[in-house]
Amino acid sequence: MRGVLLTCALACAGCTVHHSRTAIGGDVAHVPPPAARFVSEDDSGLLLFGALSLSEPDHYAVLLERIRRKHRCGRIAQAQLDFYTDHWLLVGFPVARVTVLCEPSEPPPNAAPTEPR
């Protein structure tokens, strides 16, 4: 009886399996401006029984474009892709996350310059 309870408790706990971490872009000689900041975007899918994929996370190129538009990045540097799966009983959620250094886009040429306070 204890073994069954222990097995059920372990199965309900869930776990995260980290598959990969990959640098997908890097310009080492480039020095980012002080206004640059790290941002990330992720997407998940649905996996049943560890084999049947009902949906997959977006491709990293889609995530990069989503970051560019959402955060209004003029240039993206030092991109890193993380791929991992959260497992919960018979259901898994594969997750793709992209983290980048977002440099703000240049202001329009007709915008009034702002003075430091």
N, C-alpha and C. Protein backbone atom coordinates (compact mmCIF):
# COMPACT_ATOMS: atom_id res chain seq x y z
N MET A 1 0.83 -1.19 0.00
CA MET A 1 0.00 0.00 0.00
C MET A 1 0.88 1.26 0.00
N ARG A 2 1.95 1.24 0.79
CA ARG A 2 2.85 2.39 0.83
C ARG A 2 3.51 2.62 -0.53
N GLY A 3 3.84 1.53 -1.18
CA GLY A 3 4.47 1.65 -2.50
C GLY A 3 3.54 2.29 -3.52
N VAL A 4 2.27 1.93 -3.47
CA VAL A 4 1.29 2.49 -4.39
C VAL A 4 1.12 3.98 -4.11
N LEU A 5 1.02 4.36 -2.84
CA LEU A 5 0.88 5.76 -2.48
C LEU A 5 2.11 6.57 -2.88
N LEU A 6 3.28 6.02 -2.68
CA LEU A 6 4.51 6.69 -3.06
C LEU A 6 4.59 6.88 -4.58
N THR A 7 4.21 5.84 -5.31
CA THR A 7 4.22 5.91 -6.77
C THR A 7 3.24 6.98 -7.27
N CYS A 8 2.06 7.03 -6.69
CA CYS A 8 1.06 8.04 -7.07
C CYS A 8 1.55 9.45 -6.75
N ALA A 9 2.19 9.62 -5.61
CA ALA A 9 2.70 10.93 -5.22
C ALA A 9 3.80 11.39 -6.17
N LEU A 10 4.68 10.48 -6.57
CA LEU A 10 5.75 10.84 -7.49
C LEU A 10 5.21 11.14 -8.89
N ALA A 11 4.20 10.41 -9.32
CA ALA A 11 3.62 10.63 -10.64
C ALA A 11 2.89 11.97 -10.71
N CYS A 12 2.27 12.37 -9.62
CA CYS A 12 1.52 13.64 -9.60
C CYS A 12 2.43 14.85 -9.46
N ALA A 13 3.66 14.65 -9.05
CA ALA A 13 4.56 15.77 -8.80
C ALA A 13 4.95 16.51 -10.07
N GLY A 14 5.09 15.81 -11.18
CA GLY A 14 5.51 16.46 -12.42
C GLY A 14 7.00 16.73 -12.42
N CYS A 15 7.53 16.99 -13.58
CA CYS A 15 8.95 17.29 -13.69
C CYS A 15 9.21 18.09 -14.95
N THR A 16 10.36 18.72 -14.99
CA THR A 16 10.78 19.49 -16.16
C THR A 16 12.05 18.87 -16.71
N VAL A 17 12.03 18.56 -18.00
CA VAL A 17 13.20 17.98 -18.65
C VAL A 17 13.75 19.03 -19.61
N HIS A 18 14.98 19.47 -19.35
CA HIS A 18 15.62 20.49 -20.18
C HIS A 18 16.31 19.79 -21.33
N HIS A 19 15.93 20.12 -22.57
CA HIS A 19 16.49 19.44 -23.74
C HIS A 19 17.72 20.15 -24.28
N SER A 20 17.60 21.45 -24.51
CA SER A 20 18.73 22.13 -25.14
C SER A 20 18.74 23.61 -24.83
N ARG A 21 19.90 24.16 -24.97
CA ARG A 21 20.12 25.60 -24.86
C ARG A 21 21.13 25.93 -25.96
N THR A 22 20.71 26.77 -26.88
CA THR A 22 21.53 27.04 -28.05
C THR A 22 21.63 28.53 -28.31
N ALA A 23 22.84 29.00 -28.54
CA ALA A 23 23.02 30.39 -28.97
C ALA A 23 22.73 30.43 -30.45
N ILE A 24 21.75 31.24 -30.86
CA ILE A 24 21.38 31.28 -32.28
C ILE A 24 21.85 32.56 -32.95
N GLY A 25 22.60 33.34 -32.27
CA GLY A 25 23.14 34.55 -32.88
C GLY A 25 24.09 35.21 -31.92
N GLY A 26 25.16 35.73 -32.44
CA GLY A 26 26.09 36.41 -31.56
C GLY A 26 27.09 37.23 -32.34
N ASP A 27 27.07 38.52 -32.10
CA ASP A 27 28.04 39.42 -32.69
C ASP A 27 28.90 39.90 -31.53
N VAL A 28 30.02 39.22 -31.31
CA VAL A 28 30.82 39.48 -30.13
C VAL A 28 31.48 40.86 -30.17
N ALA A 29 31.78 41.36 -31.36
CA ALA A 29 32.45 42.66 -31.47
C ALA A 29 31.48 43.82 -31.27
N HIS A 30 30.19 43.57 -31.36
CA HIS A 30 29.19 44.64 -31.22
C HIS A 30 29.00 45.03 -29.76
N VAL A 31 29.05 46.32 -29.49
CA VAL A 31 28.82 46.82 -28.13
C VAL A 31 27.41 47.43 -28.09
N PRO A 32 26.50 46.84 -27.30
CA PRO A 32 25.12 47.35 -27.27
C PRO A 32 25.04 48.69 -26.54
N PRO A 33 24.07 49.52 -26.90
CA PRO A 33 23.90 50.80 -26.21
C PRO A 33 23.38 50.59 -24.79
N PRO A 34 23.52 51.59 -23.91
CA PRO A 34 23.07 51.43 -22.53
C PRO A 34 21.56 51.17 -22.40
N ALA A 35 20.78 51.59 -23.39
CA ALA A 35 19.32 51.40 -23.31
C ALA A 35 18.88 49.98 -23.66
N ALA A 36 19.81 49.12 -24.10
CA ALA A 36 19.46 47.74 -24.46
C ALA A 36 19.05 46.96 -23.20
N ARG A 37 18.12 46.02 -23.38
CA ARG A 37 17.65 45.21 -22.26
C ARG A 37 17.36 43.79 -22.73
N PHE A 38 17.44 42.84 -21.81
CA PHE A 38 17.13 41.46 -22.13
C PHE A 38 15.63 41.25 -22.06
N VAL A 39 15.08 40.61 -23.08
CA VAL A 39 13.66 40.27 -23.12
C VAL A 39 13.54 38.82 -23.57
N SER A 40 12.42 38.19 -23.25
CA SER A 40 12.22 36.81 -23.69
C SER A 40 10.77 36.61 -24.13
N GLU A 41 10.60 35.62 -24.96
CA GLU A 41 9.29 35.24 -25.48
C GLU A 41 9.26 33.73 -25.53
N ASP A 42 8.14 33.13 -25.16
CA ASP A 42 8.06 31.68 -25.22
C ASP A 42 6.71 31.23 -25.76
N ASP A 43 6.67 29.98 -26.17
CA ASP A 43 5.45 29.37 -26.67
C ASP A 43 5.51 27.89 -26.31
N SER A 44 4.34 27.29 -26.08
CA SER A 44 4.31 25.88 -25.71
C SER A 44 3.38 25.10 -26.61
N GLY A 45 3.52 23.80 -26.56
CA GLY A 45 2.69 22.88 -27.32
C GLY A 45 2.04 21.88 -26.38
N LEU A 46 1.50 20.81 -26.94
CA LEU A 46 0.83 19.78 -26.15
C LEU A 46 1.26 18.41 -26.66
N LEU A 47 1.71 17.57 -25.74
CA LEU A 47 2.24 16.25 -26.05
C LEU A 47 1.52 15.24 -25.16
N LEU A 48 0.92 14.20 -25.76
CA LEU A 48 0.23 13.17 -24.98
C LEU A 48 1.05 11.88 -24.97
N PHE A 49 1.13 11.26 -23.83
CA PHE A 49 1.81 9.98 -23.64
C PHE A 49 3.28 10.02 -24.05
N GLY A 50 3.86 11.19 -24.13
CA GLY A 50 5.26 11.32 -24.49
C GLY A 50 5.58 11.06 -25.95
N ALA A 51 4.56 10.83 -26.78
CA ALA A 51 4.83 10.52 -28.18
C ALA A 51 3.88 11.21 -29.15
N LEU A 52 2.65 11.43 -28.77
CA LEU A 52 1.65 12.00 -29.67
C LEU A 52 1.62 13.51 -29.52
N SER A 53 2.11 14.20 -30.54
CA SER A 53 2.19 15.66 -30.49
C SER A 53 0.92 16.27 -31.09
N LEU A 54 0.13 16.95 -30.26
CA LEU A 54 -1.08 17.61 -30.74
C LEU A 54 -0.79 19.01 -31.26
N SER A 55 0.15 19.70 -30.65
CA SER A 55 0.60 21.01 -31.15
C SER A 55 2.05 21.20 -30.71
N GLU A 56 2.77 21.99 -31.50
CA GLU A 56 4.17 22.23 -31.21
C GLU A 56 4.40 23.72 -30.97
N PRO A 57 5.43 24.05 -30.19
CA PRO A 57 5.73 25.48 -29.98
C PRO A 57 6.17 26.13 -31.28
N ASP A 58 6.00 27.45 -31.35
CA ASP A 58 6.40 28.20 -32.54
C ASP A 58 7.89 28.06 -32.80
N HIS A 59 8.27 28.20 -34.05
CA HIS A 59 9.67 28.17 -34.48
C HIS A 59 10.38 29.39 -33.91
N TYR A 60 11.69 29.30 -33.69
CA TYR A 60 12.41 30.42 -33.08
C TYR A 60 12.36 31.68 -33.93
N ALA A 61 12.26 31.54 -35.25
CA ALA A 61 12.17 32.72 -36.11
C ALA A 61 10.86 33.48 -35.85
N VAL A 62 9.79 32.76 -35.60
CA VAL A 62 8.51 33.39 -35.27
C VAL A 62 8.61 34.10 -33.92
N LEU A 63 9.28 33.47 -32.97
CA LEU A 63 9.46 34.08 -31.65
C LEU A 63 10.33 35.34 -31.75
N LEU A 64 11.36 35.30 -32.58
CA LEU A 64 12.21 36.49 -32.77
C LEU A 64 11.41 37.64 -33.37
N GLU A 65 10.58 37.35 -34.36
CA GLU A 65 9.78 38.41 -34.96
C GLU A 65 8.75 38.95 -33.97
N ARG A 66 8.19 38.08 -33.14
CA ARG A 66 7.23 38.52 -32.12
C ARG A 66 7.92 39.45 -31.12
N ILE A 67 9.16 39.13 -30.73
CA ILE A 67 9.93 39.99 -29.83
C ILE A 67 10.19 41.34 -30.49
N ARG A 68 10.61 41.31 -31.76
CA ARG A 68 10.94 42.55 -32.47
C ARG A 68 9.74 43.49 -32.49
N ARG A 69 8.56 42.95 -32.75
CA ARG A 69 7.36 43.79 -32.83
C ARG A 69 6.85 44.21 -31.44
N LYS A 70 6.80 43.27 -30.52
CA LYS A 70 6.24 43.54 -29.19
C LYS A 70 7.07 44.56 -28.41
N HIS A 71 8.39 44.44 -28.50
CA HIS A 71 9.28 45.31 -27.72
C HIS A 71 9.90 46.42 -28.56
N ARG A 72 9.50 46.52 -29.82
CA ARG A 72 10.00 47.55 -30.75
C ARG A 72 11.52 47.59 -30.80
N CYS A 73 12.11 46.43 -31.07
CA CYS A 73 13.57 46.32 -31.12
C CYS A 73 14.08 46.78 -32.48
N GLY A 74 15.07 47.65 -32.46
CA GLY A 74 15.73 48.06 -33.69
C GLY A 74 16.74 47.01 -34.13
N ARG A 75 17.38 46.41 -33.16
CA ARG A 75 18.35 45.35 -33.42
C ARG A 75 18.27 44.32 -32.31
N ILE A 76 18.39 43.07 -32.69
CA ILE A 76 18.37 41.96 -31.73
C ILE A 76 19.76 41.35 -31.71
N ALA A 77 20.31 41.17 -30.52
CA ALA A 77 21.65 40.60 -30.38
C ALA A 77 21.64 39.51 -29.32
N GLN A 78 22.63 38.65 -29.36
CA GLN A 78 22.87 37.61 -28.37
C GLN A 78 21.63 36.75 -28.10
N ALA A 79 21.02 36.26 -29.15
CA ALA A 79 19.82 35.43 -29.01
C ALA A 79 20.18 34.04 -28.50
N GLN A 80 19.34 33.52 -27.62
CA GLN A 80 19.54 32.17 -27.07
C GLN A 80 18.20 31.46 -27.07
N LEU A 81 18.19 30.21 -27.54
CA LEU A 81 16.99 29.39 -27.59
C LEU A 81 17.07 28.32 -26.52
N ASP A 82 16.05 28.23 -25.67
CA ASP A 82 15.93 27.17 -24.67
C ASP A 82 14.75 26.31 -25.06
N PHE A 83 14.92 25.00 -25.00
CA PHE A 83 13.83 24.08 -25.29
C PHE A 83 13.74 23.08 -24.15
N TYR A 84 12.58 23.00 -23.52
CA TYR A 84 12.38 22.05 -22.43
C TYR A 84 10.95 21.56 -22.45
N THR A 85 10.68 20.50 -21.69
CA THR A 85 9.33 19.93 -21.62
C THR A 85 8.92 19.80 -20.16
N ASP A 86 7.74 20.32 -19.84
CA ASP A 86 7.13 20.12 -18.53
C ASP A 86 6.21 18.90 -18.64
N HIS A 87 6.48 17.89 -17.83
CA HIS A 87 5.68 16.66 -17.85
C HIS A 87 4.74 16.63 -16.65
N TRP A 88 3.47 16.36 -16.89
CA TRP A 88 2.47 16.20 -15.85
C TRP A 88 1.66 14.95 -16.16
N LEU A 89 1.91 13.88 -15.40
CA LEU A 89 1.28 12.58 -15.63
C LEU A 89 1.43 12.15 -17.08
N LEU A 90 0.38 12.06 -17.84
CA LEU A 90 0.44 11.59 -19.23
C LEU A 90 0.53 12.73 -20.25
N VAL A 91 0.53 13.95 -19.77
CA VAL A 91 0.55 15.12 -20.64
C VAL A 91 1.89 15.85 -20.50
N GLY A 92 2.43 16.25 -21.63
CA GLY A 92 3.66 17.03 -21.62
C GLY A 92 3.45 18.33 -22.36
N PHE A 93 4.17 19.36 -21.95
CA PHE A 93 4.08 20.67 -22.58
C PHE A 93 5.48 21.07 -23.06
N PRO A 94 5.81 20.81 -24.34
CA PRO A 94 7.11 21.27 -24.84
C PRO A 94 7.10 22.79 -24.95
N VAL A 95 8.15 23.42 -24.45
CA VAL A 95 8.23 24.88 -24.42
C VAL A 95 9.50 25.33 -25.13
N ALA A 96 9.35 26.31 -26.02
CA ALA A 96 10.48 26.96 -26.67
C ALA A 96 10.52 28.39 -26.16
N ARG A 97 11.67 28.81 -25.66
CA ARG A 97 11.83 30.17 -25.14
C ARG A 97 13.06 30.80 -25.79
N VAL A 98 12.89 32.01 -26.30
CA VAL A 98 14.00 32.77 -26.89
C VAL A 98 14.25 33.97 -26.00
N THR A 99 15.51 34.16 -25.61
CA THR A 99 15.93 35.32 -24.83
C THR A 99 16.93 36.10 -25.68
N VAL A 100 16.70 37.40 -25.80
CA VAL A 100 17.57 38.24 -26.64
C VAL A 100 17.90 39.54 -25.93
N LEU A 101 18.92 40.19 -26.43
CA LEU A 101 19.26 41.54 -26.02
C LEU A 101 18.62 42.48 -27.03
N CYS A 102 17.63 43.23 -26.58
CA CYS A 102 16.84 44.09 -27.46
C CYS A 102 17.38 45.51 -27.38
N GLU A 103 17.83 46.01 -28.54
CA GLU A 103 18.26 47.40 -28.63
C GLU A 103 17.10 48.21 -29.17
N PRO A 104 16.76 49.30 -28.51
CA PRO A 104 15.60 50.08 -28.96
C PRO A 104 15.81 50.64 -30.36
N SER A 105 14.70 50.77 -31.08
CA SER A 105 14.78 51.34 -32.43
C SER A 105 15.05 52.83 -32.34
N GLU A 106 15.61 53.37 -33.39
CA GLU A 106 15.93 54.79 -33.43
C GLU A 106 14.64 55.60 -33.48
N PRO A 107 14.60 56.76 -32.84
CA PRO A 107 13.40 57.60 -32.94
C PRO A 107 13.25 58.13 -34.36
N PRO A 108 12.03 58.47 -34.78
CA PRO A 108 11.84 59.02 -36.13
C PRO A 108 12.65 60.31 -36.31
N PRO A 109 13.13 60.58 -37.53
CA PRO A 109 13.99 61.76 -37.74
C PRO A 109 13.30 63.09 -37.45
N ASN A 110 11.98 63.17 -37.54
CA ASN A 110 11.29 64.44 -37.29
C ASN A 110 10.85 64.59 -35.82
N ALA A 111 11.22 63.65 -34.97
CA ALA A 111 10.83 63.75 -33.55
C ALA A 111 11.70 64.79 -32.86
N ALA A 112 11.09 65.50 -31.92
CA ALA A 112 11.84 66.51 -31.16
C ALA A 112 12.79 65.82 -30.20
N PRO A 113 14.03 66.25 -30.14
CA PRO A 113 14.99 65.61 -29.21
C PRO A 113 14.59 65.93 -27.76
N THR A 114 14.83 64.95 -26.94
CA THR A 114 14.53 65.15 -25.51
C THR A 114 15.80 65.53 -24.78
N GLU A 115 15.68 66.44 -23.84
CA GLU A 115 16.83 66.90 -23.08
C GLU A 115 16.87 66.17 -21.75
N PRO A 116 18.07 65.81 -21.31
CA PRO A 116 18.18 65.14 -20.00
C PRO A 116 17.80 66.11 -18.89
N ARG A 117 17.23 65.58 -17.85
CA ARG A 117 16.82 66.42 -16.72
C ARG A 117 17.84 66.42 -15.63
